């Protein structure tokens, strides 16, 4: 009887060769910045802080 390796993620350990190492995605970290008024985390495209109501400048990449 032949037992094949399953391609589904059913809790079994995969025996495939990994050519590329998975890196943590820092998109979440890059999507937020600190408000200068209250130090709360705000989205990079926000123009007003939801916590303190302070005006924020949209930072341009460059």
C-alpha atoms as a PDB file:
ATOM      1  CA  UNK A   1       0.000   0.000   0.000  1.00  0.00           C
ATOM      2  CA  UNK A   2       1.351   3.410  -0.970  1.00  0.00           C
ATOM      3  CA  UNK A   3       0.823   6.385   1.289  1.00  0.00           C
ATOM      4  CA  UNK A   4       1.053   9.749  -0.463  1.00  0.00           C
ATOM      5  CA  UNK A   5       1.812  13.072   1.106  1.00  0.00           C
ATOM      6  CA  UNK A   6      -1.168  15.323   1.476  1.00  0.00           C
ATOM      7  CA  UNK A   7      -1.036  18.856   0.069  1.00  0.00           C
ATOM      8  CA  UNK A   8      -3.735  20.127   2.384  1.00  0.00           C
ATOM      9  CA  UNK A   9      -2.960  21.582   5.773  1.00  0.00           C
ATOM     10  CA  UNK A  10      -4.548  18.920   7.925  1.00  0.00           C
ATOM     11  CA  UNK A  11      -2.125  19.098  10.818  1.00  0.00           C
ATOM     12  CA  UNK A  12       0.475  16.750   9.333  1.00  0.00           C
ATOM     13  CA  UNK A  13       4.064  17.875   9.073  1.00  0.00           C
ATOM     14  CA  UNK A  14       4.984  18.850   5.541  1.00  0.00           C
ATOM     15  CA  UNK A  15       8.062  17.195   4.090  1.00  0.00           C
ATOM     16  CA  UNK A  16       8.434  19.596   1.176  1.00  0.00           C
ATOM     17  CA  UNK A  17      11.688  21.362   0.524  1.00  0.00           C
ATOM     18  CA  UNK A  18      11.419  25.049   1.395  1.00  0.00           C
ATOM     19  CA  UNK A  19      13.397  27.201  -0.989  1.00  0.00           C
ATOM     20  CA  UNK A  20      12.365  30.548   0.420  1.00  0.00           C
ATOM     21  CA  UNK A  21      12.190  31.546   4.044  1.00  0.00           C
ATOM     22  CA  UNK A  22       8.991  33.305   5.058  1.00  0.00           C
ATOM     23  CA  UNK A  23       9.565  36.833   6.291  1.00  0.00           C
ATOM     24  CA  UNK A  24       7.324  38.736   8.641  1.00  0.00           C
ATOM     25  CA  UNK A  25       5.319  41.359   6.811  1.00  0.00           C
ATOM     26  CA  UNK A  26       5.793  44.812   8.294  1.00  0.00           C
ATOM     27  CA  UNK A  27       2.847  46.316   6.378  1.00  0.00           C
ATOM     28  CA  UNK A  28       0.894  46.700   9.612  1.00  0.00           C
ATOM     29  CA  UNK A  29       3.803  48.527  11.242  1.00  0.00           C
ATOM     30  CA  UNK A  30       4.206  50.804   8.218  1.00  0.00           C
ATOM     31  CA  UNK A  31       0.481  51.633   8.186  1.00  0.00           C
ATOM     32  CA  UNK A  32       0.501  53.438  11.524  1.00  0.00           C
ATOM     33  CA  UNK A  33       2.402  56.306  13.091  1.00  0.00           C
ATOM     34  CA  UNK A  34       2.236  58.150  16.401  1.00  0.00           C
ATOM     35  CA  UNK A  35       0.151  61.267  16.919  1.00  0.00           C
ATOM     36  CA  UNK A  36       2.423  64.132  18.031  1.00  0.00           C
ATOM     37  CA  UNK A  37      -0.294  65.423  20.378  1.00  0.00           C
ATOM     38  CA  UNK A  38      -1.268  62.322  22.346  1.00  0.00           C
ATOM     39  CA  UNK A  39       1.148  59.613  21.116  1.00  0.00           C
ATOM     40  CA  UNK A  40      -1.746  57.362  20.002  1.00  0.00           C
ATOM     41  CA  UNK A  41      -1.345  55.140  16.936  1.00  0.00           C
ATOM     42  CA  UNK A  42      -3.007  56.680  13.869  1.00  0.00           C
ATOM     43  CA  UNK A  43      -3.195  55.536  10.247  1.00  0.00           C
ATOM     44  CA  UNK A  44      -0.600  57.109   7.960  1.00  0.00           C
ATOM     45  CA  UNK A  45      -3.299  58.695   5.746  1.00  0.00           C
ATOM     46  CA  UNK A  46      -5.320  60.157   8.643  1.00  0.00           C
ATOM     47  CA  UNK A  47      -5.581  63.932   8.747  1.00  0.00           C
ATOM     48  CA  UNK A  48      -7.174  64.113  12.230  1.00  0.00           C
ATOM     49  CA  UNK A  49      -6.391  62.012  15.311  1.00  0.00           C
ATOM     50  CA  UNK A  50      -9.447  60.104  16.546  1.00  0.00           C
ATOM     51  CA  UNK A  51      -8.157  60.175  20.116  1.00  0.00           C
ATOM     52  CA  UNK A  52      -7.346  63.845  20.703  1.00  0.00           C
ATOM     53  CA  UNK A  53      -8.728  65.522  17.571  1.00  0.00           C
ATOM     54  CA  UNK A  54      -5.363  67.043  16.695  1.00  0.00           C
ATOM     55  CA  UNK A  55      -4.550  67.877  13.079  1.00  0.00           C
ATOM     56  CA  UNK A  56      -2.022  65.585  11.398  1.00  0.00           C
ATOM     57  CA  UNK A  57       0.114  66.133   8.333  1.00  0.00           C
ATOM     58  CA  UNK A  58       0.092  63.362   5.765  1.00  0.00           C
ATOM     59  CA  UNK A  59       3.673  62.208   5.448  1.00  0.00           C
ATOM     60  CA  UNK A  60       4.885  61.731   1.896  1.00  0.00           C
ATOM     61  CA  UNK A  61       7.337  59.002   1.022  1.00  0.00           C
ATOM     62  CA  UNK A  62      10.605  60.364  -0.123  1.00  0.00           C
END
